[in-house]
Amino acid sequence: MELEKSIFQRTELLVGNVLMDRIASTRVIIFGVGGVGSWCAESLVRSGIMHITIVDSDRVCASNINRQLMATTKTVGMVKVDVLKERLLEINPAAQITALQQIYCAETSDSFQLDSFDYIIDAIDSLENKADLIRTATKTSAVLFSSMGAALKMNPLKIDVAEFWKVKGCRLGASLRKKMVKGGEKPAKKFLCVYSEELLENRGADLSFEEAGVPLPDASHSETDSFPEDIDWHTKKVHVNGTMAHTTAMFGFTLAGLVMQDICKE
């Protein structure tokens, strides 16, 4: 208990002990712990959040190392949520970290019991699953914060926050809005997104499975399975947009900042 008090001494100086109790009792679930979600989880646990559920189905691969918190040459091949959980518990051993190696989709949605959380963080890449999470999360009493596309960005000064329908210059945001309007089911309530209008171009060539550090699929996988990269299954080339750690991390830190501001706003 003494160690825990020392860990959060500087945070308590800023917000006071009453808010520290509120922070400690807050329940957060993060979907996707890659370049954005992993840094969000780190910031939240360092800020005193004690109850965090992290959801991701992937294992660490070599191409994750340039931007994902738990990805190192020693963790390649390990389950992402397990490695991240270990790191978060090293920061605060008293934290209650639930690691779920699962995919969020319409079929698995009910299993996450979203109504039991105070905050839902969307850092999912898949357009279909992201849209379903947004629609489902906005029907709960939880506060949703969502990350738009963090790839093809380098300028941290262009990262911004806006309500979903006011996000500008983001291809992912535009695709989500188009999908929801076309499908006839819009989010049930407003929510904030982290985004950037910056859009750079890839200068490098598409990579092969081996060059990108993506494990080859086995007989149990199909073209519709979720892999860490967008794969052309005919050429076995990986179509992936360039990313950098400082940008994805700032997206994640901004999401964490939105959570902390919301907790402390009263």
C-alpha atoms as a PDB file:
ATOM      1  CA  MET A   1       0.000   0.000   0.000  1.00  0.00           C
ATOM      2  CA  GLU A   2       2.899   2.326   0.800  1.00  0.00           C
ATOM      3  CA  LEU A   3       4.443   1.599  -2.607  1.00  0.00           C
ATOM      4  CA  GLU A   4       1.157   2.331  -4.365  1.00  0.00           C
ATOM      5  CA  LYS A   5       0.862   5.657  -2.525  1.00  0.00           C
ATOM      6  CA  SER A   6       4.397   6.587  -3.595  1.00  0.00           C
ATOM      7  CA  ILE A   7       3.731   5.649  -7.228  1.00  0.00           C
ATOM      8  CA  PHE A   8       0.854   8.108  -7.545  1.00  0.00           C
ATOM      9  CA  GLN A   9       2.168  10.869  -5.286  1.00  0.00           C
ATOM     10  CA  ARG A  10       2.692  13.318  -8.158  1.00  0.00           C
ATOM     11  CA  THR A  11      -0.728  12.550  -9.641  1.00  0.00           C
ATOM     12  CA  GLU A  12      -2.407  13.113  -6.291  1.00  0.00           C
ATOM     13  CA  LEU A  13      -0.627  16.443  -5.944  1.00  0.00           C
ATOM     14  CA  LEU A  14      -2.327  17.528  -9.160  1.00  0.00           C
ATOM     15  CA  VAL A  15      -5.851  16.164  -8.665  1.00  0.00           C
ATOM     16  CA  GLY A  16      -6.265  15.588  -4.905  1.00  0.00           C
ATOM     17  CA  ASN A  17      -7.115  12.461  -2.925  1.00  0.00           C
ATOM     18  CA  VAL A  18     -10.861  12.492  -3.635  1.00  0.00           C
ATOM     19  CA  LEU A  19     -10.288  12.293  -7.390  1.00  0.00           C
ATOM     20  CA  MET A  20      -7.566   9.685  -6.874  1.00  0.00           C
ATOM     21  CA  ASP A  21     -10.195   7.430  -5.302  1.00  0.00           C
ATOM     22  CA  ARG A  22     -12.491   8.041  -8.257  1.00  0.00           C
ATOM     23  CA  ILE A  23      -9.670   7.277 -10.716  1.00  0.00           C
ATOM     24  CA  ALA A  24      -8.808   4.053  -8.875  1.00  0.00           C
ATOM     25  CA  SER A  25     -12.409   2.796  -9.052  1.00  0.00           C
ATOM     26  CA  THR A  26     -12.861   3.570 -12.771  1.00  0.00           C
ATOM     27  CA  ARG A  27     -13.227   0.601 -15.124  1.00  0.00           C
ATOM     28  CA  VAL A  28     -11.792   0.873 -18.657  1.00  0.00           C
ATOM     29  CA  ILE A  29     -11.773  -1.558 -21.568  1.00  0.00           C
ATOM     30  CA  ILE A  30      -9.417  -1.044 -24.523  1.00  0.00           C
ATOM     31  CA  PHE A  31     -10.085  -2.766 -27.843  1.00  0.00           C
ATOM     32  CA  GLY A  32      -6.876  -3.101 -29.860  1.00  0.00           C
ATOM     33  CA  VAL A  33      -3.505  -2.753 -28.116  1.00  0.00           C
ATOM     34  CA  GLY A  34      -1.288  -1.994 -31.094  1.00  0.00           C
ATOM     35  CA  GLY A  35       0.457   1.280 -31.843  1.00  0.00           C
ATOM     36  CA  VAL A  36      -2.351   3.349 -30.297  1.00  0.00           C
ATOM     37  CA  GLY A  37      -4.003   1.141 -27.685  1.00  0.00           C
ATOM     38  CA  SER A  38      -0.810  -0.063 -25.998  1.00  0.00           C
ATOM     39  CA  TRP A  39       0.314   3.496 -25.182  1.00  0.00           C
ATOM     40  CA  CYS A  40      -3.177   4.380 -23.996  1.00  0.00           C
ATOM     41  CA  ALA A  41      -3.081   1.459 -21.548  1.00  0.00           C
ATOM     42  CA  GLU A  42       0.361   2.505 -20.298  1.00  0.00           C
ATOM     43  CA  SER A  43      -0.750   6.077 -19.645  1.00  0.00           C
ATOM     44  CA  LEU A  44      -3.926   4.994 -17.860  1.00  0.00           C
ATOM     45  CA  VAL A  45      -2.181   2.603 -15.470  1.00  0.00           C
ATOM     46  CA  ARG A  46       0.491   5.222 -14.704  1.00  0.00           C
ATOM     47  CA  SER A  47      -2.312   7.689 -13.940  1.00  0.00           C
ATOM     48  CA  GLY A  48      -3.850   5.432 -11.294  1.00  0.00           C
ATOM     49  CA  ILE A  49      -6.525   3.496 -13.184  1.00  0.00           C
ATOM     50  CA  MET A  50      -6.720   0.153 -11.374  1.00  0.00           C
ATOM     51  CA  HIS A  51      -9.213  -1.778 -13.494  1.00  0.00           C
ATOM     52  CA  ILE A  52      -8.223  -2.211 -17.150  1.00  0.00           C
ATOM     53  CA  THR A  53      -9.326  -4.864 -19.632  1.00  0.00           C
ATOM     54  CA  ILE A  54      -7.209  -5.162 -22.790  1.00  0.00           C
ATOM     55  CA  VAL A  55      -8.538  -6.960 -25.860  1.00  0.00           C
ATOM     56  CA  ASP A  56      -6.491  -8.043 -28.885  1.00  0.00           C
ATOM     57  CA  SER A  57      -6.207 -11.347 -30.742  1.00  0.00           C
ATOM     58  CA  ASP A  58      -2.731 -10.907 -32.244  1.00  0.00           C
ATOM     59  CA  ARG A  59       0.768 -11.952 -31.343  1.00  0.00           C
ATOM     60  CA  VAL A  60       3.755  -9.620 -31.515  1.00  0.00           C
ATOM     61  CA  CYS A  61       5.497  -9.628 -34.900  1.00  0.00           C
ATOM     62  CA  ALA A  62       8.695  -7.927 -36.045  1.00  0.00           C
ATOM     63  CA  SER A  63       6.857  -5.171 -37.914  1.00  0.00           C
ATOM     64  CA  ASN A  64       5.222  -4.067 -34.629  1.00  0.00           C
ATOM     65  CA  ILE A  65       8.521  -3.086 -33.024  1.00  0.00           C
ATOM     66  CA  ASN A  66       8.713   0.391 -34.557  1.00  0.00           C
ATOM     67  CA  ARG A  67       5.563   1.631 -32.754  1.00  0.00           C
ATOM     68  CA  GLN A  68       3.984  -0.772 -30.245  1.00  0.00           C
ATOM     69  CA  LEU A  69       4.845  -0.467 -26.567  1.00  0.00           C
ATOM     70  CA  MET A  70       5.300  -4.152 -25.724  1.00  0.00           C
ATOM     71  CA  ALA A  71       6.906  -5.134 -29.044  1.00  0.00           C
ATOM     72  CA  THR A  72      10.637  -5.862 -28.782  1.00  0.00           C
ATOM     73  CA  THR A  73      12.988  -8.382 -30.337  1.00  0.00           C
ATOM     74  CA  LYS A  74      12.469 -10.505 -27.211  1.00  0.00           C
ATOM     75  CA  THR A  75       8.659 -10.536 -27.381  1.00  0.00           C
ATOM     76  CA  VAL A  76       8.191 -11.454 -31.069  1.00  0.00           C
ATOM     77  CA  GLY A  77       5.767 -14.376 -31.261  1.00  0.00           C
ATOM     78  CA  MET A  78       4.230 -13.751 -27.841  1.00  0.00           C
ATOM     79  CA  VAL A  79       0.566 -12.903 -27.255  1.00  0.00           C
ATOM     80  CA  LYS A  80       0.254  -9.113 -27.237  1.00  0.00           C
ATOM     81  CA  VAL A  81      -2.194  -8.790 -24.371  1.00  0.00           C
ATOM     82  CA  ASP A  82      -0.152 -11.137 -22.181  1.00  0.00           C
ATOM     83  CA  VAL A  83       3.076  -9.180 -22.731  1.00  0.00           C
ATOM     84  CA  LEU A  84       1.317  -5.875 -22.153  1.00  0.00           C
ATOM     85  CA  LYS A  85      -0.374  -7.155 -18.991  1.00  0.00           C
ATOM     86  CA  GLU A  86       3.022  -8.153 -17.591  1.00  0.00           C
ATOM     87  CA  ARG A  87       4.368  -4.672 -18.290  1.00  0.00           C
ATOM     88  CA  LEU A  88       1.379  -2.918 -16.731  1.00  0.00           C
ATOM     89  CA  LEU A  89       1.679  -5.029 -13.584  1.00  0.00           C
ATOM     90  CA  GLU A  90       5.351  -4.103 -13.329  1.00  0.00           C
ATOM     91  CA  ILE A  91       4.211  -0.476 -13.180  1.00  0.00           C
ATOM     92  CA  ASN A  92       1.495  -1.154 -10.587  1.00  0.00           C
ATOM     93  CA  PRO A  93       1.371  -4.703  -9.160  1.00  0.00           C
ATOM     94  CA  ALA A  94      -1.901  -3.871  -7.403  1.00  0.00           C
ATOM     95  CA  ALA A  95      -3.732  -3.096 -10.662  1.00  0.00           C
ATOM     96  CA  GLN A  96      -6.384  -5.508 -11.887  1.00  0.00           C
ATOM     97  CA  ILE A  97      -5.500  -6.152 -15.528  1.00  0.00           C
ATOM     98  CA  THR A  98      -7.663  -8.522 -17.549  1.00  0.00           C
ATOM     99  CA  ALA A  99      -6.039  -9.714 -20.792  1.00  0.00           C
ATOM    100  CA  LEU A 100      -8.351 -11.165 -23.436  1.00  0.00           C
ATOM    101  CA  GLN A 101      -6.805 -12.677 -26.569  1.00  0.00           C
ATOM    102  CA  GLN A 102      -9.975 -12.247 -28.568  1.00  0.00           C
ATOM    103  CA  ILE A 103     -11.394 -10.453 -31.590  1.00  0.00           C
ATOM    104  CA  TYR A 104     -14.193  -7.969 -31.112  1.00  0.00           C
ATOM    105  CA  CYS A 105     -16.910  -8.496 -33.738  1.00  0.00           C
ATOM    106  CA  ALA A 106     -20.683  -8.617 -33.891  1.00  0.00           C
ATOM    107  CA  GLU A 107     -20.661 -12.294 -32.891  1.00  0.00           C
ATOM    108  CA  THR A 108     -18.471 -11.776 -29.800  1.00  0.00           C
ATOM    109  CA  SER A 109     -19.849  -8.392 -28.732  1.00  0.00           C
ATOM    110  CA  ASP A 110     -22.083  -9.626 -25.897  1.00  0.00           C
ATOM    111  CA  SER A 111     -19.228 -11.531 -24.237  1.00  0.00           C
ATOM    112  CA  PHE A 112     -17.422  -8.301 -23.270  1.00  0.00           C
ATOM    113  CA  GLN A 113     -20.289  -6.992 -21.080  1.00  0.00           C
ATOM    114  CA  LEU A 114     -19.712  -3.415 -22.185  1.00  0.00           C
ATOM    115  CA  ASP A 115     -22.318  -2.088 -19.749  1.00  0.00           C
ATOM    116  CA  SER A 116     -19.992  -2.975 -16.861  1.00  0.00           C
ATOM    117  CA  PHE A 117     -17.363  -0.385 -17.901  1.00  0.00           C
ATOM    118  CA  ASP A 118     -17.134   3.347 -17.336  1.00  0.00           C
ATOM    119  CA  TYR A 119     -15.010   3.983 -20.441  1.00  0.00           C
ATOM    120  CA  ILE A 120     -14.638   2.138 -23.729  1.00  0.00           C
ATOM    121  CA  ILE A 121     -11.575   2.837 -25.869  1.00  0.00           C
ATOM    122  CA  ASP A 122     -11.780   1.953 -29.567  1.00  0.00           C
ATOM    123  CA  ALA A 123      -8.378   1.398 -31.156  1.00  0.00           C
ATOM    124  CA  ILE A 124      -9.538  -1.222 -33.671  1.00  0.00           C
ATOM    125  CA  ASP A 125      -8.202  -1.268 -37.241  1.00  0.00           C
ATOM    126  CA  SER A 126     -10.891  -3.385 -38.931  1.00  0.00           C
ATOM    127  CA  LEU A 127     -13.569  -1.147 -40.464  1.00  0.00           C
ATOM    128  CA  GLU A 128     -16.376  -3.672 -39.968  1.00  0.00           C
ATOM    129  CA  ASN A 129     -15.541  -4.433 -36.348  1.00  0.00           C
ATOM    130  CA  LYS A 130     -14.829  -0.790 -35.525  1.00  0.00           C
ATOM    131  CA  ALA A 131     -18.224   0.262 -36.850  1.00  0.00           C
ATOM    132  CA  ASP A 132     -19.973  -2.442 -34.835  1.00  0.00           C
ATOM    133  CA  LEU A 133     -18.113  -1.493 -31.642  1.00  0.00           C
ATOM    134  CA  ILE A 134     -19.056   2.159 -32.085  1.00  0.00           C
ATOM    135  CA  ARG A 135     -22.714   1.345 -32.644  1.00  0.00           C
ATOM    136  CA  THR A 136     -22.794  -1.043 -29.683  1.00  0.00           C
ATOM    137  CA  ALA A 137     -20.743   1.092 -27.274  1.00  0.00           C
ATOM    138  CA  THR A 138     -22.867   4.182 -27.850  1.00  0.00           C
ATOM    139  CA  LYS A 139     -25.919   2.248 -26.681  1.00  0.00           C
ATOM    140  CA  THR A 140     -24.360   1.736 -23.244  1.00  0.00           C
ATOM    141  CA  SER A 141     -23.956   4.159 -20.355  1.00  0.00           C
ATOM    142  CA  ALA A 142     -20.154   4.065 -20.819  1.00  0.00           C
ATOM    143  CA  VAL A 143     -18.211   6.943 -22.361  1.00  0.00           C
ATOM    144  CA  LEU A 144     -16.648   6.010 -25.706  1.00  0.00           C
ATOM    145  CA  PHE A 145     -13.445   7.502 -27.098  1.00  0.00           C
ATOM    146  CA  SER A 146     -12.269   6.374 -30.526  1.00  0.00           C
ATOM    147  CA  SER A 147      -9.037   6.541 -32.493  1.00  0.00           C
ATOM    148  CA  MET A 148      -9.234   7.325 -36.176  1.00  0.00           C
ATOM    149  CA  GLY A 149      -6.385   6.467 -38.562  1.00  0.00           C
ATOM    150  CA  ALA A 150      -2.907   7.091 -37.118  1.00  0.00           C
ATOM    151  CA  ALA A 151      -0.942   5.850 -40.144  1.00  0.00           C
ATOM    152  CA  LEU A 152       0.633   8.154 -42.758  1.00  0.00           C
ATOM    153  CA  LYS A 153       1.139  10.871 -40.136  1.00  0.00           C
ATOM    154  CA  MET A 154       4.327  12.527 -38.843  1.00  0.00           C
ATOM    155  CA  ASN A 155       3.378  15.972 -37.541  1.00  0.00           C
ATOM    156  CA  PRO A 156       2.273  15.770 -33.881  1.00  0.00           C
ATOM    157  CA  LEU A 157       0.942  19.337 -34.020  1.00  0.00           C
ATOM    158  CA  LYS A 158      -1.810  18.226 -36.406  1.00  0.00           C
ATOM    159  CA  ILE A 159      -3.303  15.670 -34.019  1.00  0.00           C
ATOM    160  CA  ASP A 160      -6.700  16.902 -32.833  1.00  0.00           C
ATOM    161  CA  VAL A 161      -9.932  15.836 -31.123  1.00  0.00           C
ATOM    162  CA  ALA A 162     -13.442  16.257 -32.517  1.00  0.00           C
ATOM    163  CA  GLU A 163     -16.896  14.738 -32.306  1.00  0.00           C
ATOM    164  CA  PHE A 164     -17.244  11.822 -34.746  1.00  0.00           C
ATOM    165  CA  TRP A 165     -19.380  13.648 -37.307  1.00  0.00           C
ATOM    166  CA  LYS A 166     -17.003  16.625 -37.289  1.00  0.00           C
ATOM    167  CA  VAL A 167     -13.771  14.705 -37.926  1.00  0.00           C
ATOM    168  CA  LYS A 168     -12.161  16.193 -41.054  1.00  0.00           C
ATOM    169  CA  GLY A 169      -9.574  14.937 -43.513  1.00  0.00           C
ATOM    170  CA  CYS A 170      -9.439  11.372 -42.184  1.00  0.00           C
ATOM    171  CA  ARG A 171     -10.094   8.526 -44.615  1.00  0.00           C
ATOM    172  CA  LEU A 172     -11.035   6.110 -41.848  1.00  0.00           C
ATOM    173  CA  GLY A 173     -13.506   8.561 -40.362  1.00  0.00           C
ATOM    174  CA  ALA A 174     -15.056   9.196 -43.758  1.00  0.00           C
ATOM    175  CA  SER A 175     -15.339   5.456 -44.444  1.00  0.00           C
ATOM    176  CA  LEU A 176     -16.997   4.848 -41.085  1.00  0.00           C
ATOM    177  CA  ARG A 177     -19.545   7.613 -41.605  1.00  0.00           C
ATOM    178  CA  LYS A 178     -20.330   6.377 -45.105  1.00  0.00           C
ATOM    179  CA  LYS A 179     -20.774   2.813 -43.846  1.00  0.00           C
ATOM    180  CA  MET A 180     -23.096   3.882 -41.051  1.00  0.00           C
ATOM    181  CA  VAL A 181     -25.230   6.137 -43.231  1.00  0.00           C
ATOM    182  CA  LYS A 182     -25.491   3.420 -45.886  1.00  0.00           C
ATOM    183  CA  GLY A 183     -26.299   0.753 -43.298  1.00  0.00           C
ATOM    184  CA  GLY A 184     -28.985   2.900 -41.712  1.00  0.00           C
ATOM    185  CA  GLU A 185     -27.693   2.549 -38.149  1.00  0.00           C
ATOM    186  CA  LYS A 186     -25.832   5.543 -36.770  1.00  0.00           C
ATOM    187  CA  PRO A 187     -24.184   5.834 -33.334  1.00  0.00           C
ATOM    188  CA  ALA A 188     -26.759   6.186 -30.562  1.00  0.00           C
ATOM    189  CA  LYS A 189     -24.975   9.172 -29.004  1.00  0.00           C
ATOM    190  CA  LYS A 190     -22.127  11.565 -29.686  1.00  0.00           C
ATOM    191  CA  PHE A 191     -18.519  10.608 -28.919  1.00  0.00           C
ATOM    192  CA  LEU A 192     -15.070  12.137 -29.325  1.00  0.00           C
ATOM    193  CA  CYS A 193     -12.377  10.931 -31.714  1.00  0.00           C
ATOM    194  CA  VAL A 194      -8.636  11.468 -31.931  1.00  0.00           C
ATOM    195  CA  TYR A 195      -7.595  12.162 -35.523  1.00  0.00           C
ATOM    196  CA  SER A 196      -5.245  14.068 -37.815  1.00  0.00           C
ATOM    197  CA  GLU A 197      -5.927  15.739 -41.145  1.00  0.00           C
ATOM    198  CA  GLU A 198      -2.342  15.069 -42.231  1.00  0.00           C
ATOM    199  CA  LEU A 199      -2.088  12.525 -45.044  1.00  0.00           C
ATOM    200  CA  LEU A 200       1.339  11.537 -46.341  1.00  0.00           C
ATOM    201  CA  GLU A 201       2.167   8.984 -49.015  1.00  0.00           C
ATOM    202  CA  ASN A 202       4.055   5.726 -48.645  1.00  0.00           C
ATOM    203  CA  ARG A 203       7.503   6.032 -50.219  1.00  0.00           C
ATOM    204  CA  GLY A 204       8.576   2.422 -49.733  1.00  0.00           C
ATOM    205  CA  ALA A 205       7.562  -0.675 -51.667  1.00  0.00           C
ATOM    206  CA  ASP A 206       4.999  -3.280 -50.606  1.00  0.00           C
ATOM    207  CA  LEU A 207       6.582  -6.090 -48.628  1.00  0.00           C
ATOM    208  CA  SER A 208       6.350  -9.859 -48.656  1.00  0.00           C
ATOM    209  CA  PHE A 209       5.140 -11.877 -45.661  1.00  0.00           C
ATOM    210  CA  GLU A 210       8.699 -12.575 -44.543  1.00  0.00           C
ATOM    211  CA  GLU A 211       9.951  -9.002 -45.083  1.00  0.00           C
ATOM    212  CA  ALA A 212       7.073  -7.566 -43.065  1.00  0.00           C
ATOM    213  CA  GLY A 213       7.518 -10.040 -40.222  1.00  0.00           C
ATOM    214  CA  VAL A 214       4.004 -11.439 -40.679  1.00  0.00           C
ATOM    215  CA  PRO A 215       3.612 -15.167 -39.879  1.00  0.00           C
ATOM    216  CA  LEU A 216       2.469 -17.311 -42.782  1.00  0.00           C
ATOM    217  CA  PRO A 217      -1.117 -18.532 -42.418  1.00  0.00           C
ATOM    218  CA  ASP A 218      -1.678 -22.202 -41.717  1.00  0.00           C
ATOM    219  CA  ALA A 219      -4.529 -24.441 -42.804  1.00  0.00           C
ATOM    220  CA  SER A 220      -6.792 -23.131 -40.033  1.00  0.00           C
ATOM    221  CA  HIS A 221      -6.753 -19.599 -41.424  1.00  0.00           C
ATOM    222  CA  SER A 222      -8.793 -18.139 -44.254  1.00  0.00           C
ATOM    223  CA  GLU A 223      -8.652 -14.919 -46.230  1.00  0.00           C
ATOM    224  CA  THR A 224     -11.270 -13.428 -43.952  1.00  0.00           C
ATOM    225  CA  ASP A 225      -9.249 -13.947 -40.767  1.00  0.00           C
ATOM    226  CA  SER A 226      -7.823 -10.950 -38.956  1.00  0.00           C
ATOM    227  CA  PHE A 227      -4.091 -10.580 -39.505  1.00  0.00           C
ATOM    228  CA  PRO A 228      -1.849  -7.740 -38.357  1.00  0.00           C
ATOM    229  CA  GLU A 229      -1.478  -6.419 -41.905  1.00  0.00           C
ATOM    230  CA  ASP A 230      -3.643  -6.035 -45.023  1.00  0.00           C
ATOM    231  CA  ILE A 231      -2.588  -8.965 -47.192  1.00  0.00           C
ATOM    232  CA  ASP A 232      -2.974  -9.563 -50.924  1.00  0.00           C
ATOM    233  CA  TRP A 233      -3.412 -13.326 -50.784  1.00  0.00           C
ATOM    234  CA  HIS A 234      -2.646 -13.817 -54.481  1.00  0.00           C
ATOM    235  CA  THR A 235       0.748 -12.107 -54.506  1.00  0.00           C
ATOM    236  CA  LYS A 236       1.497 -12.691 -50.794  1.00  0.00           C
ATOM    237  CA  LYS A 237       2.359  -8.999 -50.579  1.00  0.00           C
ATOM    238  CA  VAL A 238       1.548  -6.924 -47.519  1.00  0.00           C
ATOM    239  CA  HIS A 239      -0.182  -3.599 -48.176  1.00  0.00           C
ATOM    240  CA  VAL A 240       0.523  -1.541 -45.108  1.00  0.00           C
ATOM    241  CA  ASN A 241       0.611   2.191 -44.490  1.00  0.00           C
ATOM    242  CA  GLY A 242       3.706   3.649 -42.888  1.00  0.00           C
ATOM    243  CA  THR A 243       3.604   4.592 -39.210  1.00  0.00           C
ATOM    244  CA  MET A 244       5.901   6.094 -36.586  1.00  0.00           C
ATOM    245  CA  ALA A 245       5.986   5.611 -32.822  1.00  0.00           C
ATOM    246  CA  HIS A 246       5.638   9.249 -31.823  1.00  0.00           C
ATOM    247  CA  THR A 247       2.406   9.642 -33.801  1.00  0.00           C
ATOM    248  CA  THR A 248       0.672   6.435 -32.726  1.00  0.00           C
ATOM    249  CA  ALA A 249       1.785   6.997 -29.130  1.00  0.00           C
ATOM    250  CA  MET A 250       0.368  10.523 -29.130  1.00  0.00           C
ATOM    251  CA  PHE A 251      -2.951   9.173 -30.401  1.00  0.00           C
ATOM    252  CA  GLY A 252      -2.925   6.717 -27.499  1.00  0.00           C
ATOM    253  CA  PHE A 253      -1.838   9.299 -24.930  1.00  0.00           C
ATOM    254  CA  THR A 254      -4.554  11.662 -26.149  1.00  0.00           C
ATOM    255  CA  LEU A 255      -7.188   8.955 -25.673  1.00  0.00           C
ATOM    256  CA  ALA A 256      -5.892   8.409 -22.132  1.00  0.00           C
ATOM    257  CA  GLY A 257      -5.943  12.145 -21.571  1.00  0.00           C
ATOM    258  CA  LEU A 258      -9.589  12.313 -22.601  1.00  0.00           C
ATOM    259  CA  VAL A 259     -10.419   9.638 -20.026  1.00  0.00           C
ATOM    260  CA  MET A 260      -8.560  11.442 -17.258  1.00  0.00           C
ATOM    261  CA  GLN A 261     -10.090  14.815 -18.139  1.00  0.00           C
ATOM    262  CA  ASP A 262     -13.559  13.318 -18.095  1.00  0.00           C
ATOM    263  CA  ILE A 263     -13.019  11.697 -14.687  1.00  0.00           C
ATOM    264  CA  CYS A 264     -11.635  14.930 -13.229  1.00  0.00           C
ATOM    265  CA  LYS A 265     -13.980  17.431 -14.893  1.00  0.00           C
ATOM    266  CA  GLU A 266     -16.331  17.831 -11.925  1.00  0.00           C
END
